[in-house]
Amino acid sequence: MVTRRIGFALLSALPWSQLLFMFVLPAQLGQMARAAVPSLLPDMPCLRSRRQTCEIGPSQADVEAFAAQLTSQRSAWSGPWRFHGDIEDLLPLSTSNWSGTVEGLEVSHTTRLVSLHGLEGIKSLGNGSSDGTSIWVEDNDALKSLVGLIGVQAASGSLYLKSNNKLSSLRDLQGIKSLGRDSDGT
């Protein structure tokens, strides 16, 4: 009984925003709770500008924060996305219900990422990098599958894959109907 009173007294002394994150977000009311307190989410200007790159990494928490921002995104386009570091998975992005065009996609130097599942909302890619590359996937130690890119239908720039030693198939790229060229014309 005493424990409950102390717990209640401590909880009642916390600001409402901390209570919201302690009780509402873990209760899977994510989108409603995020809409109620948008100022508590990290700012990602890349979701408002095609010229700014979304740097997502080096931790799984960065993927989750990005997913929270993506959930509140109203536009169907975004600046380039760059995933790197000790990311485990991209699944939090699949719950954002976001769908549209990303200016470019880079997945590089990850140590634990096994697949790109979670990126299914990307329908087309621009040539977001300075050299005109739409999809850049390089040096990912554990990457076995590009499954999250199965929904991509067009890419304005080129495709660059290098040093993904566990990647055994490109079948998840079969939905791409048109692929552009990089700045060298290849």
C-alpha atoms as a PDB file:
ATOM      1  CA  MET A   1       0.000   0.000   0.000  1.00  0.00           C
ATOM      2  CA  VAL A   2       2.760   2.438   0.925  1.00  0.00           C
ATOM      3  CA  THR A   3       4.612   1.606  -2.282  1.00  0.00           C
ATOM      4  CA  ARG A   4       1.586   2.559  -4.344  1.00  0.00           C
ATOM      5  CA  ARG A   5       1.213   5.900  -2.586  1.00  0.00           C
ATOM      6  CA  ILE A   6       4.876   6.716  -3.059  1.00  0.00           C
ATOM      7  CA  GLY A   7       4.627   5.640  -6.696  1.00  0.00           C
ATOM      8  CA  PHE A   8       1.542   7.761  -7.221  1.00  0.00           C
ATOM      9  CA  ALA A   9       3.126  10.750  -5.482  1.00  0.00           C
ATOM     10  CA  LEU A  10       6.216  10.439  -7.659  1.00  0.00           C
ATOM     11  CA  LEU A  11       4.165  10.074 -10.821  1.00  0.00           C
ATOM     12  CA  SER A  12       1.929  13.002  -9.998  1.00  0.00           C
ATOM     13  CA  ALA A  13       5.023  15.191  -9.613  1.00  0.00           C
ATOM     14  CA  LEU A  14       6.209  14.462 -13.180  1.00  0.00           C
ATOM     15  CA  PRO A  15       5.281  16.805 -16.041  1.00  0.00           C
ATOM     16  CA  TRP A  16       2.465  15.521 -18.261  1.00  0.00           C
ATOM     17  CA  SER A  17       4.813  14.979 -21.227  1.00  0.00           C
ATOM     18  CA  GLN A  18       6.906  12.462 -19.274  1.00  0.00           C
ATOM     19  CA  LEU A  19       3.778  10.663 -18.143  1.00  0.00           C
ATOM     20  CA  LEU A  20       2.604  10.533 -21.733  1.00  0.00           C
ATOM     21  CA  PHE A  21       5.820   8.834 -22.856  1.00  0.00           C
ATOM     22  CA  MET A  22       5.812   6.470 -19.869  1.00  0.00           C
ATOM     23  CA  PHE A  23       2.285   5.235 -20.378  1.00  0.00           C
ATOM     24  CA  VAL A  24       0.837   6.157 -23.763  1.00  0.00           C
ATOM     25  CA  LEU A  25       3.707   5.403 -26.157  1.00  0.00           C
ATOM     26  CA  PRO A  26       4.455   1.960 -24.735  1.00  0.00           C
ATOM     27  CA  ALA A  27       0.749   1.214 -25.017  1.00  0.00           C
ATOM     28  CA  GLN A  28       1.136   1.313 -28.836  1.00  0.00           C
ATOM     29  CA  LEU A  29      -0.831   4.505 -29.375  1.00  0.00           C
ATOM     30  CA  GLY A  30       2.186   5.883 -31.208  1.00  0.00           C
ATOM     31  CA  GLN A  31       0.650   7.970 -33.953  1.00  0.00           C
ATOM     32  CA  MET A  32      -1.924   9.685 -31.709  1.00  0.00           C
ATOM     33  CA  ALA A  33       0.627  10.340 -28.980  1.00  0.00           C
ATOM     34  CA  ARG A  34       3.224  11.654 -31.422  1.00  0.00           C
ATOM     35  CA  ALA A  35       0.649  14.030 -32.884  1.00  0.00           C
ATOM     36  CA  ALA A  36      -0.163  15.290 -29.383  1.00  0.00           C
ATOM     37  CA  VAL A  37       3.456  16.199 -28.599  1.00  0.00           C
ATOM     38  CA  PRO A  38       5.247  16.883 -31.928  1.00  0.00           C
ATOM     39  CA  SER A  39       7.771  19.200 -30.290  1.00  0.00           C
ATOM     40  CA  LEU A  40       9.305  16.245 -28.436  1.00  0.00           C
ATOM     41  CA  LEU A  41      10.309  14.524 -31.694  1.00  0.00           C
ATOM     42  CA  PRO A  42      13.717  15.246 -33.248  1.00  0.00           C
ATOM     43  CA  ASP A  43      13.611  17.716 -36.129  1.00  0.00           C
ATOM     44  CA  MET A  44      14.429  16.217 -39.526  1.00  0.00           C
ATOM     45  CA  PRO A  45      14.613  18.987 -42.149  1.00  0.00           C
ATOM     46  CA  CYS A  46      15.299  16.351 -44.817  1.00  0.00           C
ATOM     47  CA  LEU A  47      11.617  15.440 -44.709  1.00  0.00           C
ATOM     48  CA  ARG A  48      10.793  18.961 -45.880  1.00  0.00           C
ATOM     49  CA  SER A  49      13.620  19.505 -48.386  1.00  0.00           C
ATOM     50  CA  ARG A  50      14.838  17.372 -51.272  1.00  0.00           C
ATOM     51  CA  ARG A  51      18.316  18.840 -50.870  1.00  0.00           C
ATOM     52  CA  GLN A  52      18.984  17.741 -47.297  1.00  0.00           C
ATOM     53  CA  THR A  53      20.042  14.171 -46.539  1.00  0.00           C
ATOM     54  CA  CYS A  54      18.379  12.246 -43.718  1.00  0.00           C
ATOM     55  CA  GLU A  55      21.289  10.746 -41.756  1.00  0.00           C
ATOM     56  CA  ILE A  56      19.846   7.713 -39.976  1.00  0.00           C
ATOM     57  CA  GLY A  57      22.252   5.936 -37.659  1.00  0.00           C
ATOM     58  CA  PRO A  58      24.470   4.867 -36.096  1.00  0.00           C
ATOM     59  CA  SER A  59      21.990   3.250 -33.672  1.00  0.00           C
ATOM     60  CA  GLN A  60      18.633   1.483 -33.832  1.00  0.00           C
ATOM     61  CA  ALA A  61      17.176   4.339 -31.764  1.00  0.00           C
ATOM     62  CA  ASP A  62      17.895   6.659 -34.705  1.00  0.00           C
ATOM     63  CA  VAL A  63      15.797   4.422 -36.984  1.00  0.00           C
ATOM     64  CA  GLU A  64      12.941   4.553 -34.480  1.00  0.00           C
ATOM     65  CA  ALA A  65      13.153   8.352 -34.185  1.00  0.00           C
ATOM     66  CA  PHE A  66      13.128   8.662 -37.968  1.00  0.00           C
ATOM     67  CA  ALA A  67      10.069   6.389 -38.171  1.00  0.00           C
ATOM     68  CA  ALA A  68       8.269   8.640 -35.675  1.00  0.00           C
ATOM     69  CA  GLN A  69       8.980  11.684 -37.849  1.00  0.00           C
ATOM     70  CA  LEU A  70       7.954   9.823 -40.989  1.00  0.00           C
ATOM     71  CA  THR A  71       4.603   8.977 -39.397  1.00  0.00           C
ATOM     72  CA  SER A  72       3.759  12.673 -39.125  1.00  0.00           C
ATOM     73  CA  GLN A  73       5.054  13.448 -42.639  1.00  0.00           C
ATOM     74  CA  ARG A  74       2.365  14.729 -44.986  1.00  0.00           C
ATOM     75  CA  SER A  75       4.396  15.132 -48.178  1.00  0.00           C
ATOM     76  CA  ALA A  76       4.906  12.199 -50.556  1.00  0.00           C
ATOM     77  CA  TRP A  77       8.566  13.053 -51.176  1.00  0.00           C
ATOM     78  CA  SER A  78      11.718  13.355 -49.127  1.00  0.00           C
ATOM     79  CA  GLY A  79      15.381  14.217 -49.383  1.00  0.00           C
ATOM     80  CA  PRO A  80      17.890  11.347 -49.650  1.00  0.00           C
ATOM     81  CA  TRP A  81      18.000   8.742 -46.862  1.00  0.00           C
ATOM     82  CA  ARG A  82      21.349   7.463 -45.581  1.00  0.00           C
ATOM     83  CA  PHE A  83      21.379   4.477 -43.206  1.00  0.00           C
ATOM     84  CA  HIS A  84      24.656   3.538 -41.505  1.00  0.00           C
ATOM     85  CA  GLY A  85      26.169   2.092 -38.351  1.00  0.00           C
ATOM     86  CA  ASP A  86      24.975  -0.505 -35.884  1.00  0.00           C
ATOM     87  CA  ILE A  87      21.388  -0.700 -37.158  1.00  0.00           C
ATOM     88  CA  GLU A  88      19.530  -3.965 -36.509  1.00  0.00           C
ATOM     89  CA  ASP A  89      16.492  -3.548 -38.756  1.00  0.00           C
ATOM     90  CA  LEU A  90      14.344  -1.031 -40.594  1.00  0.00           C
ATOM     91  CA  LEU A  91      11.006  -2.511 -39.513  1.00  0.00           C
ATOM     92  CA  PRO A  92       9.930   0.595 -37.545  1.00  0.00           C
ATOM     93  CA  LEU A  93       9.638   2.380 -40.906  1.00  0.00           C
ATOM     94  CA  SER A  94       6.999  -0.083 -42.106  1.00  0.00           C
ATOM     95  CA  THR A  95       4.547   1.126 -39.448  1.00  0.00           C
ATOM     96  CA  SER A  96       4.741   4.753 -40.593  1.00  0.00           C
ATOM     97  CA  ASN A  97       2.274   4.177 -43.479  1.00  0.00           C
ATOM     98  CA  TRP A  98       4.392   6.605 -45.514  1.00  0.00           C
ATOM     99  CA  SER A  99       4.576   6.074 -49.257  1.00  0.00           C
ATOM    100  CA  GLY A 100       6.252   8.118 -51.958  1.00  0.00           C
ATOM    101  CA  THR A 101       9.491   9.278 -53.545  1.00  0.00           C
ATOM    102  CA  VAL A 102      12.855   9.501 -51.840  1.00  0.00           C
ATOM    103  CA  GLU A 103      15.487  11.582 -53.581  1.00  0.00           C
ATOM    104  CA  GLY A 104      18.118   8.845 -53.056  1.00  0.00           C
ATOM    105  CA  LEU A 105      18.889   5.855 -50.827  1.00  0.00           C
ATOM    106  CA  GLU A 106      22.207   4.861 -49.296  1.00  0.00           C
ATOM    107  CA  VAL A 107      22.742   1.885 -47.006  1.00  0.00           C
ATOM    108  CA  SER A 108      26.408   1.641 -46.126  1.00  0.00           C
ATOM    109  CA  HIS A 109      28.777   0.382 -43.468  1.00  0.00           C
ATOM    110  CA  THR A 110      26.140  -1.382 -41.373  1.00  0.00           C
ATOM    111  CA  THR A 111      27.223  -4.219 -39.114  1.00  0.00           C
ATOM    112  CA  ARG A 112      23.983  -6.020 -38.164  1.00  0.00           C
ATOM    113  CA  LEU A 113      21.384  -5.092 -40.802  1.00  0.00           C
ATOM    114  CA  VAL A 114      20.161  -8.322 -42.461  1.00  0.00           C
ATOM    115  CA  SER A 115      17.478  -6.985 -44.834  1.00  0.00           C
ATOM    116  CA  LEU A 116      15.933  -3.765 -46.079  1.00  0.00           C
ATOM    117  CA  HIS A 117      12.457  -4.849 -44.960  1.00  0.00           C
ATOM    118  CA  GLY A 118      10.680  -1.702 -43.802  1.00  0.00           C
ATOM    119  CA  LEU A 119      11.426   0.384 -46.909  1.00  0.00           C
ATOM    120  CA  GLU A 120       8.419  -0.914 -48.859  1.00  0.00           C
ATOM    121  CA  GLY A 121       6.856   2.564 -48.864  1.00  0.00           C
ATOM    122  CA  ILE A 122       9.461   3.832 -51.328  1.00  0.00           C
ATOM    123  CA  LYS A 123       7.843   3.824 -54.781  1.00  0.00           C
ATOM    124  CA  SER A 124      10.476   5.759 -56.721  1.00  0.00           C
ATOM    125  CA  LEU A 125      13.938   7.196 -56.220  1.00  0.00           C
ATOM    126  CA  GLY A 126      15.496  10.356 -57.577  1.00  0.00           C
ATOM    127  CA  ASN A 127      19.208  10.755 -58.245  1.00  0.00           C
ATOM    128  CA  GLY A 128      19.912  12.198 -54.825  1.00  0.00           C
ATOM    129  CA  SER A 129      23.673  11.878 -54.667  1.00  0.00           C
ATOM    130  CA  SER A 130      26.030  14.311 -56.341  1.00  0.00           C
ATOM    131  CA  ASP A 131      27.138  11.623 -58.809  1.00  0.00           C
ATOM    132  CA  GLY A 132      23.587  10.694 -59.828  1.00  0.00           C
ATOM    133  CA  THR A 133      23.263   7.400 -57.920  1.00  0.00           C
ATOM    134  CA  SER A 134      19.717   6.507 -56.803  1.00  0.00           C
ATOM    135  CA  ILE A 135      20.502   3.367 -54.811  1.00  0.00           C
ATOM    136  CA  TRP A 136      23.863   2.946 -53.080  1.00  0.00           C
ATOM    137  CA  VAL A 137      24.362  -0.254 -51.051  1.00  0.00           C
ATOM    138  CA  GLU A 138      27.942  -0.807 -49.916  1.00  0.00           C
ATOM    139  CA  ASP A 139      29.929  -2.616 -47.230  1.00  0.00           C
ATOM    140  CA  ASN A 140      27.105  -4.148 -45.203  1.00  0.00           C
ATOM    141  CA  ASP A 141      28.494  -7.085 -43.219  1.00  0.00           C
ATOM    142  CA  ALA A 142      25.233  -8.977 -42.566  1.00  0.00           C
ATOM    143  CA  LEU A 143      22.959  -7.834 -45.426  1.00  0.00           C
ATOM    144  CA  LYS A 144      21.326 -10.870 -47.080  1.00  0.00           C
ATOM    145  CA  SER A 145      18.265  -9.363 -48.784  1.00  0.00           C
ATOM    146  CA  LEU A 146      17.060  -6.226 -50.563  1.00  0.00           C
ATOM    147  CA  VAL A 147      13.434  -7.241 -49.893  1.00  0.00           C
ATOM    148  CA  GLY A 148      12.351  -3.756 -48.784  1.00  0.00           C
ATOM    149  CA  LEU A 149      13.024  -2.377 -52.257  1.00  0.00           C
ATOM    150  CA  ILE A 150      10.484  -4.641 -53.939  1.00  0.00           C
ATOM    151  CA  GLY A 151       8.020  -1.717 -54.290  1.00  0.00           C
ATOM    152  CA  VAL A 152      10.461   0.597 -56.111  1.00  0.00           C
ATOM    153  CA  GLN A 153       9.258   1.056 -59.694  1.00  0.00           C
ATOM    154  CA  ALA A 154      11.618   3.747 -60.989  1.00  0.00           C
ATOM    155  CA  ALA A 155      14.996   5.233 -60.203  1.00  0.00           C
ATOM    156  CA  SER A 156      16.235   8.387 -61.946  1.00  0.00           C
ATOM    157  CA  GLY A 157      19.877   7.583 -61.286  1.00  0.00           C
ATOM    158  CA  SER A 158      22.062   4.500 -61.242  1.00  0.00           C
ATOM    159  CA  LEU A 159      22.373   1.512 -58.930  1.00  0.00           C
ATOM    160  CA  TYR A 160      25.620   0.868 -57.012  1.00  0.00           C
ATOM    161  CA  LEU A 161      26.211  -2.389 -55.101  1.00  0.00           C
ATOM    162  CA  LYS A 162      29.612  -3.258 -53.619  1.00  0.00           C
ATOM    163  CA  SER A 163      31.050  -5.413 -50.796  1.00  0.00           C
ATOM    164  CA  ASN A 164      27.812  -6.935 -49.532  1.00  0.00           C
ATOM    165  CA  ASN A 165      29.289 -10.415 -49.195  1.00  0.00           C
ATOM    166  CA  LYS A 166      26.176 -12.155 -47.805  1.00  0.00           C
ATOM    167  CA  LEU A 167      23.841 -10.698 -50.457  1.00  0.00           C
ATOM    168  CA  SER A 168      22.972 -13.592 -52.765  1.00  0.00           C
ATOM    169  CA  SER A 169      20.193 -12.260 -55.011  1.00  0.00           C
ATOM    170  CA  LEU A 170      18.959  -9.127 -56.747  1.00  0.00           C
ATOM    171  CA  ARG A 171      15.426 -10.470 -57.332  1.00  0.00           C
ATOM    172  CA  ASP A 172      13.964  -7.852 -54.984  1.00  0.00           C
ATOM    173  CA  LEU A 173      14.908  -5.181 -57.528  1.00  0.00           C
ATOM    174  CA  GLN A 174      12.797  -6.763 -60.276  1.00  0.00           C
ATOM    175  CA  GLY A 175      10.004  -4.195 -59.782  1.00  0.00           C
ATOM    176  CA  ILE A 176      12.224  -1.390 -61.138  1.00  0.00           C
ATOM    177  CA  LYS A 177      10.885  -0.677 -64.619  1.00  0.00           C
ATOM    178  CA  SER A 178      13.253   2.202 -65.399  1.00  0.00           C
ATOM    179  CA  LEU A 179      16.745   2.954 -64.171  1.00  0.00           C
ATOM    180  CA  GLY A 180      18.640   6.114 -65.017  1.00  0.00           C
ATOM    181  CA  ARG A 181      22.327   6.858 -65.313  1.00  0.00           C
ATOM    182  CA  ASP A 182      24.924   8.390 -63.056  1.00  0.00           C
ATOM    183  CA  SER A 183      26.923  11.522 -63.881  1.00  0.00           C
ATOM    184  CA  ASP A 184      29.424   9.433 -65.914  1.00  0.00           C
ATOM    185  CA  GLY A 185      26.616   8.129 -68.104  1.00  0.00           C
ATOM    186  CA  THR A 186      26.729   4.544 -66.803  1.00  0.00           C
END
